[in-house]
PDB file of N, CA and C in Angstrom:
ATOM      1  N   MET A   1       0.816  -1.190   0.000  1.00  0.00           N
ATOM      2  CA  MET A   1       0.000   0.000   0.000  1.00  0.00           C
ATOM      3  C   MET A   1       0.860   1.255   0.000  1.00  0.00           C
ATOM      4  N   LEU A   2       1.858   1.338   0.842  1.00  0.00           N
ATOM      5  CA  LEU A   2       2.724   2.503   0.867  1.00  0.00           C
ATOM      6  C   LEU A   2       3.688   2.461  -0.307  1.00  0.00           C
ATOM      7  N   ALA A   3       3.988   3.626  -0.843  1.00  0.00           N
ATOM      8  CA  ALA A   3       4.842   3.716  -2.014  1.00  0.00           C
ATOM      9  C   ALA A   3       6.286   3.390  -1.697  1.00  0.00           C
ATOM     10  N   ALA A   4       6.748   3.838  -0.581  1.00  0.00           N
ATOM     11  CA  ALA A   4       8.130   3.610  -0.162  1.00  0.00           C
ATOM     12  C   ALA A   4       8.147   3.608   1.357  1.00  0.00           C
ATOM     13  N   PRO A   5       9.115   2.956   1.953  1.00  0.00           N
ATOM     14  CA  PRO A   5       9.196   2.985   3.415  1.00  0.00           C
ATOM     15  C   PRO A   5       9.293   4.417   3.922  1.00  0.00           C
ATOM     16  N   PHE A   6       8.418   4.767   4.838  1.00  0.00           N
ATOM     17  CA  PHE A   6       8.335   6.141   5.332  1.00  0.00           C
ATOM     18  C   PHE A   6       9.669   6.654   5.868  1.00  0.00           C
ATOM     19  N   LEU A   7      10.419   5.813   6.520  1.00  0.00           N
ATOM     20  CA  LEU A   7      11.649   6.264   7.150  1.00  0.00           C
ATOM     21  C   LEU A   7      12.726   6.668   6.154  1.00  0.00           C
ATOM     22  N   THR A   8      12.599   6.283   4.896  1.00  0.00           N
ATOM     23  CA  THR A   8      13.609   6.660   3.915  1.00  0.00           C
ATOM     24  C   THR A   8      13.374   8.057   3.370  1.00  0.00           C
ATOM     25  N   LEU A   9      12.198   8.606   3.585  1.00  0.00           N
ATOM     26  CA  LEU A   9      11.872   9.924   3.052  1.00  0.00           C
ATOM     27  C   LEU A   9      12.256  11.014   4.038  1.00  0.00           C
ATOM     28  N   VAL A  10      12.712  12.117   3.509  1.00  0.00           N
ATOM     29  CA  VAL A  10      13.158  13.221   4.349  1.00  0.00           C
ATOM     30  C   VAL A  10      12.300  14.443   4.052  1.00  0.00           C
ATOM     31  N   PHE A  11      11.583  14.910   5.065  1.00  0.00           N
ATOM     32  CA  PHE A  11      10.817  16.126   4.908  1.00  0.00           C
ATOM     33  C   PHE A  11      11.772  17.313   4.889  1.00  0.00           C
ATOM     34  N   ALA A  12      11.425  18.292   4.095  1.00  0.00           N
ATOM     35  CA  ALA A  12      12.254  19.491   4.003  1.00  0.00           C
ATOM     36  C   ALA A  12      11.523  20.639   4.676  1.00  0.00           C
ATOM     37  N   PHE A  13      12.282  21.459   5.358  1.00  0.00           N
ATOM     38  CA  PHE A  13      11.722  22.635   6.019  1.00  0.00           C
ATOM     39  C   PHE A  13      12.777  23.723   6.016  1.00  0.00           C
ATOM     40  N   ALA A  14      12.454  24.837   5.403  1.00  0.00           N
ATOM     41  CA  ALA A  14      13.401  25.948   5.315  1.00  0.00           C
ATOM     42  C   ALA A  14      13.472  26.677   6.655  1.00  0.00           C
ATOM     43  N   PRO A  15      14.680  26.897   7.180  1.00  0.00           N
ATOM     44  CA  PRO A  15      14.825  27.619   8.444  1.00  0.00           C
ATOM     45  C   PRO A  15      14.174  29.000   8.364  1.00  0.00           C
ATOM     46  N   GLY A  16      13.468  29.363   9.413  1.00  0.00           N
ATOM     47  CA  GLY A  16      12.857  30.684   9.470  1.00  0.00           C
ATOM     48  C   GLY A  16      11.499  30.756   8.797  1.00  0.00           C
ATOM     49  N   SER A  17      11.079  29.698   8.106  1.00  0.00           N
ATOM     50  CA  SER A  17       9.805  29.768   7.403  1.00  0.00           C
ATOM     51  C   SER A  17       8.613  29.492   8.319  1.00  0.00           C
ATOM     52  N   ALA A  18       8.865  29.054   9.543  1.00  0.00           N
ATOM     53  CA  ALA A  18       7.765  28.758  10.458  1.00  0.00           C
ATOM     54  C   ALA A  18       6.966  30.000  10.806  1.00  0.00           C
ATOM     55  N   SER A  19       7.542  31.171  10.631  1.00  0.00           N
ATOM     56  CA  SER A  19       6.828  32.390  10.957  1.00  0.00           C
ATOM     57  C   SER A  19       5.846  32.783   9.853  1.00  0.00           C
ATOM     58  N   THR A  20       5.992  32.240   8.661  1.00  0.00           N
ATOM     59  CA  THR A  20       5.080  32.553   7.572  1.00  0.00           C
ATOM     60  C   THR A  20       3.891  31.607   7.611  1.00  0.00           C
ATOM     61  N   THR A  21       2.812  32.013   6.964  1.00  0.00           N
ATOM     62  CA  THR A  21       1.630  31.159   6.925  1.00  0.00           C
ATOM     63  C   THR A  21       1.943  29.844   6.232  1.00  0.00           C
ATOM     64  N   SER A  22       2.671  29.900   5.097  1.00  0.00           N
ATOM     65  CA  SER A  22       3.013  28.649   4.416  1.00  0.00           C
ATOM     66  C   SER A  22       3.936  27.803   5.294  1.00  0.00           C
ATOM     67  N   GLY A  23       4.815  28.444   6.026  1.00  0.00           N
ATOM     68  CA  GLY A  23       5.702  27.722   6.942  1.00  0.00           C
ATOM     69  C   GLY A  23       4.934  27.033   8.055  1.00  0.00           C
ATOM     70  N   GLN A  24       3.887  27.678   8.524  1.00  0.00           N
ATOM     71  CA  GLN A  24       3.054  27.061   9.560  1.00  0.00           C
ATOM     72  C   GLN A  24       2.321  25.847   9.004  1.00  0.00           C
ATOM     73  N   GLU A  25       1.870  25.951   7.760  1.00  0.00           N
ATOM     74  CA  GLU A  25       1.196  24.821   7.118  1.00  0.00           C
ATOM     75  C   GLU A  25       2.174  23.655   6.943  1.00  0.00           C
ATOM     76  N   ILE A  26       3.396  23.968   6.534  1.00  0.00           N
ATOM     77  CA  ILE A  26       4.410  22.923   6.359  1.00  0.00           C
ATOM     78  C   ILE A  26       4.699  22.243   7.696  1.00  0.00           C
ATOM     79  N   ALA A  27       4.905  23.033   8.733  1.00  0.00           N
ATOM     80  CA  ALA A  27       5.214  22.473  10.053  1.00  0.00           C
ATOM     81  C   ALA A  27       4.086  21.560  10.536  1.00  0.00           C
ATOM     82  N   PHE A  28       2.854  22.008  10.365  1.00  0.00           N
ATOM     83  CA  PHE A  28       1.724  21.187  10.797  1.00  0.00           C
ATOM     84  C   PHE A  28       1.608  19.935   9.923  1.00  0.00           C
ATOM     85  N   GLY A  29       1.844  20.097   8.618  1.00  0.00           N
ATOM     86  CA  GLY A  29       1.807  18.956   7.708  1.00  0.00           C
ATOM     87  C   GLY A  29       2.817  17.892   8.086  1.00  0.00           C
ATOM     88  N   ILE A  30       4.016  18.319   8.444  1.00  0.00           N
ATOM     89  CA  ILE A  30       5.046  17.366   8.868  1.00  0.00           C
ATOM     90  C   ILE A  30       4.611  16.647  10.142  1.00  0.00           C
ATOM     91  N   GLU A  31       4.052  17.419  11.065  1.00  0.00           N
ATOM     92  CA  GLU A  31       3.610  16.828  12.333  1.00  0.00           C
ATOM     93  C   GLU A  31       2.563  15.737  12.104  1.00  0.00           C
ATOM     94  N   VAL A  32       1.566  15.996  11.266  1.00  0.00           N
ATOM     95  CA  VAL A  32       0.521  14.994  11.046  1.00  0.00           C
ATOM     96  C   VAL A  32       1.020  13.846  10.162  1.00  0.00           C
ATOM     97  N   ALA A  33       1.940  14.135   9.250  1.00  0.00           N
ATOM     98  CA  ALA A  33       2.508  13.067   8.415  1.00  0.00           C
ATOM     99  C   ALA A  33       3.259  12.070   9.275  1.00  0.00           C
ATOM    100  N   ARG A  34       3.970  12.552  10.253  1.00  0.00           N
ATOM    101  CA  ARG A  34       4.705  11.660  11.149  1.00  0.00           C
ATOM    102  C   ARG A  34       3.777  10.754  11.935  1.00  0.00           C
ATOM    103  N   LYS A  35       2.518  11.136  12.030  1.00  0.00           N
ATOM    104  CA  LYS A  35       1.512  10.306  12.702  1.00  0.00           C
ATOM    105  C   LYS A  35       0.776   9.414  11.700  1.00  0.00           C
ATOM    106  N   GLY A  36       1.172   9.514  10.430  1.00  0.00           N
ATOM    107  CA  GLY A  36       0.540   8.688   9.400  1.00  0.00           C
ATOM    108  C   GLY A  36      -0.764   9.241   8.866  1.00  0.00           C
ATOM    109  N   LEU A  37      -1.072  10.491   9.171  1.00  0.00           N
ATOM    110  CA  LEU A  37      -2.320  11.120   8.720  1.00  0.00           C
ATOM    111  C   LEU A  37      -2.070  11.797   7.364  1.00  0.00           C
ATOM    112  N   TRP A  38      -1.979  10.969   6.322  1.00  0.00           N
ATOM    113  CA  TRP A  38      -1.533  11.448   5.017  1.00  0.00           C
ATOM    114  C   TRP A  38      -2.523  12.370   4.320  1.00  0.00           C
ATOM    115  N   SER A  39      -3.815  12.178   4.532  1.00  0.00           N
ATOM    116  CA  SER A  39      -4.797  13.082   3.901  1.00  0.00           C
ATOM    117  C   SER A  39      -4.655  14.496   4.462  1.00  0.00           C
ATOM    118  N   GLU A  40      -4.523  14.580   5.765  1.00  0.00           N
ATOM    119  CA  GLU A  40      -4.352  15.898   6.398  1.00  0.00           C
ATOM    120  C   GLU A  40      -3.016  16.513   5.998  1.00  0.00           C
ATOM    121  N   ALA A  41      -1.971  15.700   5.963  1.00  0.00           N
ATOM    122  CA  ALA A  41      -0.654  16.206   5.557  1.00  0.00           C
ATOM    123  C   ALA A  41      -0.710  16.740   4.132  1.00  0.00           C
ATOM    124  N   ARG A  42      -1.326  15.975   3.253  1.00  0.00           N
ATOM    125  CA  ARG A  42      -1.451  16.418   1.855  1.00  0.00           C
ATOM    126  C   ARG A  42      -2.192  17.749   1.770  1.00  0.00           C
ATOM    127  N   PHE A  43      -3.290  17.853   2.515  1.00  0.00           N
ATOM    128  CA  PHE A  43      -4.060  19.099   2.534  1.00  0.00           C
ATOM    129  C   PHE A  43      -3.178  20.275   2.971  1.00  0.00           C
ATOM    130  N   ARG A  44      -2.408  20.084   4.029  1.00  0.00           N
ATOM    131  CA  ARG A  44      -1.554  21.161   4.549  1.00  0.00           C
ATOM    132  C   ARG A  44      -0.458  21.528   3.557  1.00  0.00           C
ATOM    133  N   PHE A  45       0.158  20.534   2.927  1.00  0.00           N
ATOM    134  CA  PHE A  45       1.219  20.819   1.964  1.00  0.00           C
ATOM    135  C   PHE A  45       0.650  21.475   0.706  1.00  0.00           C
ATOM    136  N   GLU A  46      -0.539  21.053   0.276  1.00  0.00           N
ATOM    137  CA  GLU A  46      -1.182  21.711  -0.867  1.00  0.00           C
ATOM    138  C   GLU A  46      -1.483  23.168  -0.545  1.00  0.00           C
ATOM    139  N   LYS A  47      -1.931  23.419   0.673  1.00  0.00           N
ATOM    140  CA  LYS A  47      -2.216  24.788   1.103  1.00  0.00           C
ATOM    141  C   LYS A  47      -0.934  25.619   1.124  1.00  0.00           C
ATOM    142  N   ALA A  48       0.147  25.031   1.618  1.00  0.00           N
ATOM    143  CA  ALA A  48       1.438  25.734   1.649  1.00  0.00           C
ATOM    144  C   ALA A  48       1.896  26.075   0.237  1.00  0.00           C
ATOM    145  N   VAL A  49       1.727  25.146  -0.692  1.00  0.00           N
ATOM    146  CA  VAL A  49       2.120  25.392  -2.088  1.00  0.00           C
ATOM    147  C   VAL A  49       1.239  26.466  -2.699  1.00  0.00           C
ATOM    148  N   SER A  50      -0.045  26.463  -2.393  1.00  0.00           N
ATOM    149  CA  SER A  50      -0.928  27.495  -2.950  1.00  0.00           C
ATOM    150  C   SER A  50      -0.578  28.880  -2.398  1.00  0.00           C
ATOM    151  N   LEU A  51      -0.121  28.931  -1.155  1.00  0.00           N
ATOM    152  CA  LEU A  51       0.290  30.202  -0.559  1.00  0.00           C
ATOM    153  C   LEU A  51       1.647  30.675  -1.076  1.00  0.00           C
ATOM    154  N   ASP A  52       2.504  29.720  -1.421  1.00  0.00           N
ATOM    155  CA  ASP A  52       3.863  30.040  -1.873  1.00  0.00           C
ATOM    156  C   ASP A  52       4.282  29.029  -2.944  1.00  0.00           C
ATOM    157  N   PRO A  53       3.844  29.223  -4.196  1.00  0.00           N
ATOM    158  CA  PRO A  53       4.109  28.263  -5.269  1.00  0.00           C
ATOM    159  C   PRO A  53       5.588  28.023  -5.556  1.00  0.00           C
ATOM    160  N   GLY A  54       6.447  28.925  -5.141  1.00  0.00           N
ATOM    161  CA  GLY A  54       7.875  28.769  -5.366  1.00  0.00           C
ATOM    162  C   GLY A  54       8.602  28.094  -4.219  1.00  0.00           C
ATOM    163  N   ASN A  55       7.874  27.505  -3.289  1.00  0.00           N
ATOM    164  CA  ASN A  55       8.466  26.881  -2.115  1.00  0.00           C
ATOM    165  C   ASN A  55       8.798  25.423  -2.426  1.00  0.00           C
ATOM    166  N   ALA A  56      10.057  25.170  -2.722  1.00  0.00           N
ATOM    167  CA  ALA A  56      10.503  23.829  -3.095  1.00  0.00           C
ATOM    168  C   ALA A  56      10.308  22.830  -1.956  1.00  0.00           C
ATOM    169  N   GLU A  57      10.486  23.270  -0.730  1.00  0.00           N
ATOM    170  CA  GLU A  57      10.320  22.368   0.414  1.00  0.00           C
ATOM    171  C   GLU A  57       8.868  21.909   0.524  1.00  0.00           C
ATOM    172  N   ALA A  58       7.926  22.839   0.320  1.00  0.00           N
ATOM    173  CA  ALA A  58       6.507  22.470   0.371  1.00  0.00           C
ATOM    174  C   ALA A  58       6.175  21.481  -0.738  1.00  0.00           C
ATOM    175  N   LEU A  59       6.738  21.697  -1.921  1.00  0.00           N
ATOM    176  CA  LEU A  59       6.509  20.774  -3.038  1.00  0.00           C
ATOM    177  C   LEU A  59       7.100  19.393  -2.756  1.00  0.00           C
ATOM    178  N   ASN A  60       8.280  19.351  -2.176  1.00  0.00           N
ATOM    179  CA  ASN A  60       8.893  18.079  -1.789  1.00  0.00           C
ATOM    180  C   ASN A  60       7.994  17.333  -0.816  1.00  0.00           C
ATOM    181  N   ASN A  61       7.512  18.033   0.186  1.00  0.00           N
ATOM    182  CA  ASN A  61       6.678  17.402   1.197  1.00  0.00           C
ATOM    183  C   ASN A  61       5.338  16.956   0.606  1.00  0.00           C
ATOM    184  N   LEU A  62       4.791  17.776  -0.301  1.00  0.00           N
ATOM    185  CA  LEU A  62       3.568  17.391  -0.990  1.00  0.00           C
ATOM    186  C   LEU A  62       3.811  16.122  -1.805  1.00  0.00           C
ATOM    187  N   ALA A  63       4.939  16.044  -2.468  1.00  0.00           N
ATOM    188  CA  ALA A  63       5.271  14.851  -3.258  1.00  0.00           C
ATOM    189  C   ALA A  63       5.322  13.609  -2.378  1.00  0.00           C
ATOM    190  N   ILE A  64       5.885  13.731  -1.190  1.00  0.00           N
ATOM    191  CA  ILE A  64       5.940  12.600  -0.262  1.00  0.00           C
ATOM    192  C   ILE A  64       4.524  12.151   0.092  1.00  0.00           C
ATOM    193  N   ALA A  65       3.660  13.119   0.428  1.00  0.00           N
ATOM    194  CA  ALA A  65       2.285  12.780   0.795  1.00  0.00           C
ATOM    195  C   ALA A  65       1.548  12.140  -0.383  1.00  0.00           C
ATOM    196  N   LEU A  66       1.729  12.685  -1.572  1.00  0.00           N
ATOM    197  CA  LEU A  66       1.093  12.123  -2.765  1.00  0.00           C
ATOM    198  C   LEU A  66       1.572  10.691  -3.003  1.00  0.00           C
ATOM    199  N   GLU A  67       2.860  10.493  -2.852  1.00  0.00           N
ATOM    200  CA  GLU A  67       3.436   9.161  -3.026  1.00  0.00           C
ATOM    201  C   GLU A  67       2.836   8.180  -2.026  1.00  0.00           C
ATOM    202  N   GLN A  68       2.727   8.588  -0.788  1.00  0.00           N
ATOM    203  CA  GLN A  68       2.178   7.719   0.252  1.00  0.00           C
ATOM    204  C   GLN A  68       0.723   7.371  -0.012  1.00  0.00           C
ATOM    205  N   GLN A  69       0.018   8.243  -0.727  1.00  0.00           N
ATOM    206  CA  GLN A  69      -1.387   7.989  -1.044  1.00  0.00           C
ATOM    207  C   GLN A  69      -1.569   7.282  -2.389  1.00  0.00           C
ATOM    208  N   GLY A  70      -0.474   7.000  -3.063  1.00  0.00           N
ATOM    209  CA  GLY A  70      -0.566   6.277  -4.328  1.00  0.00           C
ATOM    210  C   GLY A  70      -0.787   7.145  -5.549  1.00  0.00           C
ATOM    211  N   ALA A  71      -0.677   8.445  -5.422  1.00  0.00           N
ATOM    212  CA  ALA A  71      -0.833   9.368  -6.550  1.00  0.00           C
ATOM    213  C   ALA A  71       0.542   9.600  -7.181  1.00  0.00           C
ATOM    214  N   PHE A  72       1.051   8.563  -7.845  1.00  0.00           N
ATOM    215  CA  PHE A  72       2.437   8.559  -8.294  1.00  0.00           C
ATOM    216  C   PHE A  72       2.731   9.581  -9.392  1.00  0.00           C
ATOM    217  N   GLY A  73       1.811   9.776 -10.322  1.00  0.00           N
ATOM    218  CA  GLY A  73       2.020  10.768 -11.370  1.00  0.00           C
ATOM    219  C   GLY A  73       2.113  12.179 -10.801  1.00  0.00           C
ATOM    220  N   ASP A  74       1.232  12.494  -9.875  1.00  0.00           N
ATOM    221  CA  ASP A  74       1.251  13.808  -9.228  1.00  0.00           C
ATOM    222  C   ASP A  74       2.500  13.967  -8.360  1.00  0.00           C
ATOM    223  N   ALA A  75       2.910  12.887  -7.718  1.00  0.00           N
ATOM    224  CA  ALA A  75       4.123  12.928  -6.889  1.00  0.00           C
ATOM    225  C   ALA A  75       5.338  13.238  -7.759  1.00  0.00           C
ATOM    226  N   ARG A  76       5.445  12.554  -8.896  1.00  0.00           N
ATOM    227  CA  ARG A  76       6.570  12.799  -9.807  1.00  0.00           C
ATOM    228  C   ARG A  76       6.597  14.263 -10.247  1.00  0.00           C
ATOM    229  N   ALA A  77       5.442  14.797 -10.610  1.00  0.00           N
ATOM    230  CA  ALA A  77       5.365  16.191 -11.059  1.00  0.00           C
ATOM    231  C   ALA A  77       5.790  17.156  -9.947  1.00  0.00           C
ATOM    232  N   ALA A  78       5.369  16.877  -8.708  1.00  0.00           N
ATOM    233  CA  ALA A  78       5.731  17.747  -7.588  1.00  0.00           C
ATOM    234  C   ALA A  78       7.230  17.675  -7.302  1.00  0.00           C
ATOM    235  N   TYR A  79       7.804  16.468  -7.330  1.00  0.00           N
ATOM    236  CA  TYR A  79       9.250  16.338  -7.128  1.00  0.00           C
ATOM    237  C   TYR A  79      10.017  17.089  -8.215  1.00  0.00           C
ATOM    238  N   GLU A  80       9.597  16.915  -9.457  1.00  0.00           N
ATOM    239  CA  GLU A  80      10.312  17.558 -10.563  1.00  0.00           C
ATOM    240  C   GLU A  80      10.230  19.074 -10.489  1.00  0.00           C
ATOM    241  N   LYS A  81       9.078  19.590 -10.094  1.00  0.00           N
ATOM    242  CA  LYS A  81       8.943  21.045  -9.933  1.00  0.00           C
ATOM    243  C   LYS A  81       9.828  21.541  -8.792  1.00  0.00           C
ATOM    244  N   ALA A  82       9.859  20.784  -7.692  1.00  0.00           N
ATOM    245  CA  ALA A  82      10.707  21.166  -6.556  1.00  0.00           C
ATOM    246  C   ALA A  82      12.177  21.193  -6.969  1.00  0.00           C
ATOM    247  N   LEU A  83      12.585  20.208  -7.758  1.00  0.00           N
ATOM    248  CA  LEU A  83      13.982  20.155  -8.204  1.00  0.00           C
ATOM    249  C   LEU A  83      14.323  21.281  -9.182  1.00  0.00           C
ATOM    250  N   LYS A  84      13.362  21.701  -9.968  1.00  0.00           N
ATOM    251  CA  LYS A  84      13.596  22.851 -10.869  1.00  0.00           C
ATOM    252  C   LYS A  84      13.805  24.124 -10.057  1.00  0.00           C
ATOM    253  N   LEU A  85      13.075  24.223  -8.949  1.00  0.00           N
ATOM    254  CA  LEU A  85      13.205  25.403  -8.091  1.00  0.00           C
ATOM    255  C   LEU A  85      14.500  25.390  -7.286  1.00  0.00           C
ATOM    256  N   LYS A  86      14.908  24.205  -6.847  1.00  0.00           N
ATOM    257  CA  LYS A  86      16.129  24.062  -6.043  1.00  0.00           C
ATOM    258  C   LYS A  86      16.918  22.847  -6.527  1.00  0.00           C
ATOM    259  N   PRO A  87      17.599  22.991  -7.653  1.00  0.00           N
ATOM    260  CA  PRO A  87      18.280  21.836  -8.249  1.00  0.00           C
ATOM    261  C   PRO A  87      19.390  21.234  -7.383  1.00  0.00           C
ATOM    262  N   GLY A  88      19.959  21.975  -6.491  1.00  0.00           N
ATOM    263  CA  GLY A  88      21.056  21.462  -5.681  1.00  0.00           C
ATOM    264  C   GLY A  88      20.635  20.937  -4.316  1.00  0.00           C
ATOM    265  N   ASN A  89      19.329  20.871  -4.053  1.00  0.00           N
ATOM    266  CA  ASN A  89      18.863  20.458  -2.737  1.00  0.00           C
ATOM    267  C   ASN A  89      19.013  18.947  -2.574  1.00  0.00           C
ATOM    268  N   LEU A  90      19.879  18.546  -1.686  1.00  0.00           N
ATOM    269  CA  LEU A  90      20.199  17.135  -1.474  1.00  0.00           C
ATOM    270  C   LEU A  90      19.001  16.321  -1.012  1.00  0.00           C
ATOM    271  N   TYR A  91      18.191  16.869  -0.106  1.00  0.00           N
ATOM    272  CA  TYR A  91      17.049  16.139   0.426  1.00  0.00           C
ATOM    273  C   TYR A  91      16.002  15.880  -0.651  1.00  0.00           C
ATOM    274  N   ILE A  92      15.722  16.900  -1.435  1.00  0.00           N
ATOM    275  CA  ILE A  92      14.738  16.736  -2.497  1.00  0.00           C
ATOM    276  C   ILE A  92      15.248  15.732  -3.532  1.00  0.00           C
ATOM    277  N   GLN A  93      16.504  15.854  -3.904  1.00  0.00           N
ATOM    278  CA  GLN A  93      17.079  14.934  -4.880  1.00  0.00           C
ATOM    279  C   GLN A  93      17.049  13.501  -4.364  1.00  0.00           C
ATOM    280  N   GLN A  94      17.393  13.312  -3.102  1.00  0.00           N
ATOM    281  CA  GLN A  94      17.385  11.976  -2.500  1.00  0.00           C
ATOM    282  C   GLN A  94      15.982  11.386  -2.517  1.00  0.00           C
ATOM    283  N   ASN A  95      14.984  12.179  -2.132  1.00  0.00           N
ATOM    284  CA  ASN A  95      13.605  11.695  -2.135  1.00  0.00           C
ATOM    285  C   ASN A  95      13.153  11.339  -3.548  1.00  0.00           C
ATOM    286  N   TYR A  96      13.497  12.187  -4.504  1.00  0.00           N
ATOM    287  CA  TYR A  96      13.102  11.939  -5.891  1.00  0.00           C
ATOM    288  C   TYR A  96      13.767  10.679  -6.433  1.00  0.00           C
ATOM    289  N   ASP A  97      15.034  10.500  -6.125  1.00  0.00           N
ATOM    290  CA  ASP A  97      15.741   9.304  -6.582  1.00  0.00           C
ATOM    291  C   ASP A  97      15.103   8.034  -6.012  1.00  0.00           C
ATOM    292  N   LEU A  98      14.767   8.047  -4.724  1.00  0.00           N
ATOM    293  CA  LEU A  98      14.099   6.903  -4.107  1.00  0.00           C
ATOM    294  C   LEU A  98      12.731   6.666  -4.736  1.00  0.00           C
ATOM    295  N   PHE A  99      12.018   7.748  -4.966  1.00  0.00           N
ATOM    296  CA  PHE A  99      10.705   7.636  -5.597  1.00  0.00           C
ATOM    297  C   PHE A  99      10.819   7.039  -6.991  1.00  0.00           C
ATOM    298  N   ARG A 100      11.732   7.581  -7.782  1.00  0.00           N
ATOM    299  CA  ARG A 100      11.904   7.116  -9.169  1.00  0.00           C
ATOM    300  C   ARG A 100      12.246   5.632  -9.211  1.00  0.00           C
ATOM    301  N   GLU A 101      13.135   5.214  -8.335  1.00  0.00           N
ATOM    302  CA  GLU A 101      13.519   3.807  -8.276  1.00  0.00           C
ATOM    303  C   GLU A 101      12.301   2.923  -7.979  1.00  0.00           C
ATOM    304  N   ALA A 102      11.520   3.303  -6.978  1.00  0.00           N
ATOM    305  CA  ALA A 102      10.326   2.527  -6.614  1.00  0.00           C
ATOM    306  C   ALA A 102       9.272   2.595  -7.711  1.00  0.00           C
ATOM    307  N   ASP A 103       9.106   3.767  -8.315  1.00  0.00           N
ATOM    308  CA  ASP A 103       8.095   3.938  -9.360  1.00  0.00           C
ATOM    309  C   ASP A 103       8.468   3.147 -10.611  1.00  0.00           C
ATOM    310  N   ASP A 104       9.732   3.163 -10.972  1.00  0.00           N
ATOM    311  CA  ASP A 104      10.188   2.392 -12.128  1.00  0.00           C
ATOM    312  C   ASP A 104       9.957   0.896 -11.893  1.00  0.00           C
ATOM    313  N   LYS A 105      10.258   0.439 -10.694  1.00  0.00           N
ATOM    314  CA  LYS A 105      10.058  -0.976 -10.343  1.00  0.00           C
ATOM    315  C   LYS A 105       8.569  -1.323 -10.411  1.00  0.00           C
ATOM    316  N   ARG A 106       7.747  -0.450  -9.878  1.00  0.00           N
ATOM    317  CA  ARG A 106       6.296  -0.658  -9.887  1.00  0.00           C
ATOM    318  C   ARG A 106       5.768  -0.710 -11.331  1.00  0.00           C
ATOM    319  N   ASN A 107       6.279   0.170 -12.181  1.00  0.00           N
ATOM    320  CA  ASN A 107       5.846   0.200 -13.579  1.00  0.00           C
ATOM    321  C   ASN A 107       6.291  -1.044 -14.342  1.00  0.00           C
ATOM    322  N   ARG A 108       7.507  -1.519 -14.073  1.00  0.00           N
ATOM    323  CA  ARG A 108       7.987  -2.753 -14.714  1.00  0.00           C
ATOM    324  C   ARG A 108       7.120  -3.938 -14.304  1.00  0.00           C
ATOM    325  N   LYS A 109       6.759  -3.984 -13.026  1.00  0.00           N
ATOM    326  CA  LYS A 109       5.917  -5.062 -12.514  1.00  0.00           C
ATOM    327  C   LYS A 109       4.537  -5.033 -13.184  1.00  0.00           C
ATOM    328  N   ALA A 110       3.996  -3.834 -13.317  1.00  0.00           N
ATOM    329  CA  ALA A 110       2.667  -3.681 -13.920  1.00  0.00           C
ATOM    330  C   ALA A 110       2.670  -4.113 -15.388  1.00  0.00           C
ATOM    331  N   LYS A 111       3.753  -3.875 -16.096  1.00  0.00           N
ATOM    332  CA  LYS A 111       3.855  -4.261 -17.507  1.00  0.00           C
ATOM    333  C   LYS A 111       3.947  -5.770 -17.676  1.00  0.00           C
ATOM    334  N   LYS A 112       4.495  -6.454 -16.700  1.00  0.00           N
ATOM    335  CA  LYS A 112       4.645  -7.910 -16.759  1.00  0.00           C
ATOM    336  C   LYS A 112       3.319  -8.638 -16.561  1.00  0.00           C
ATOM    337  N   LYS A 113       2.391  -8.002 -15.859  1.00  0.00           N
ATOM    338  CA  LYS A 113       1.102  -8.649 -15.599  1.00  0.00           C
ATOM    339  C   LYS A 113       0.285  -8.701 -16.896  1.00  0.00           C
ATOM    340  N   PRO A 114      -0.341  -9.863 -17.150  1.00  0.00           N
ATOM    341  CA  PRO A 114      -1.147 -10.015 -18.383  1.00  0.00           C
ATOM    342  C   PRO A 114      -2.441  -9.247 -18.336  1.00  0.00           C
TER     343      PRO A 114
END
C-alpha cells in the first residue's frame, strides 16, 4: 500500500519559514505526516504550495504525501517542480531518486502482468 518505506523519506523545512503562513502549514503537515495522517498532511502541503508556489520544500513534502497515497504521477510532477526550483537540494534529490527507483520498479511489474 505505501509507495516507499516512510523512514527513507526526508521532509524538508526551510529555516525561518515557520513564521510565515506557508511555513506554519508545512510544520503542521510534517507533524501529522509523522503520525501517518496522510490526507491531512497532503491538505496542509497543498495549502502551503498554494500560498507560496515557489516553495521547493513544500513541493517536496507534498510529493511525499502524494506518493504515500498512491498518486504517483502527481508525486513525480511535484518532485520535478521542486527540483527545478532548487536543483542542488540534497534532500529533495534523495527523495526523488528513491521515488523514481520505486516507481520504475512498480511500472515494470505492472507491464509484466497479463
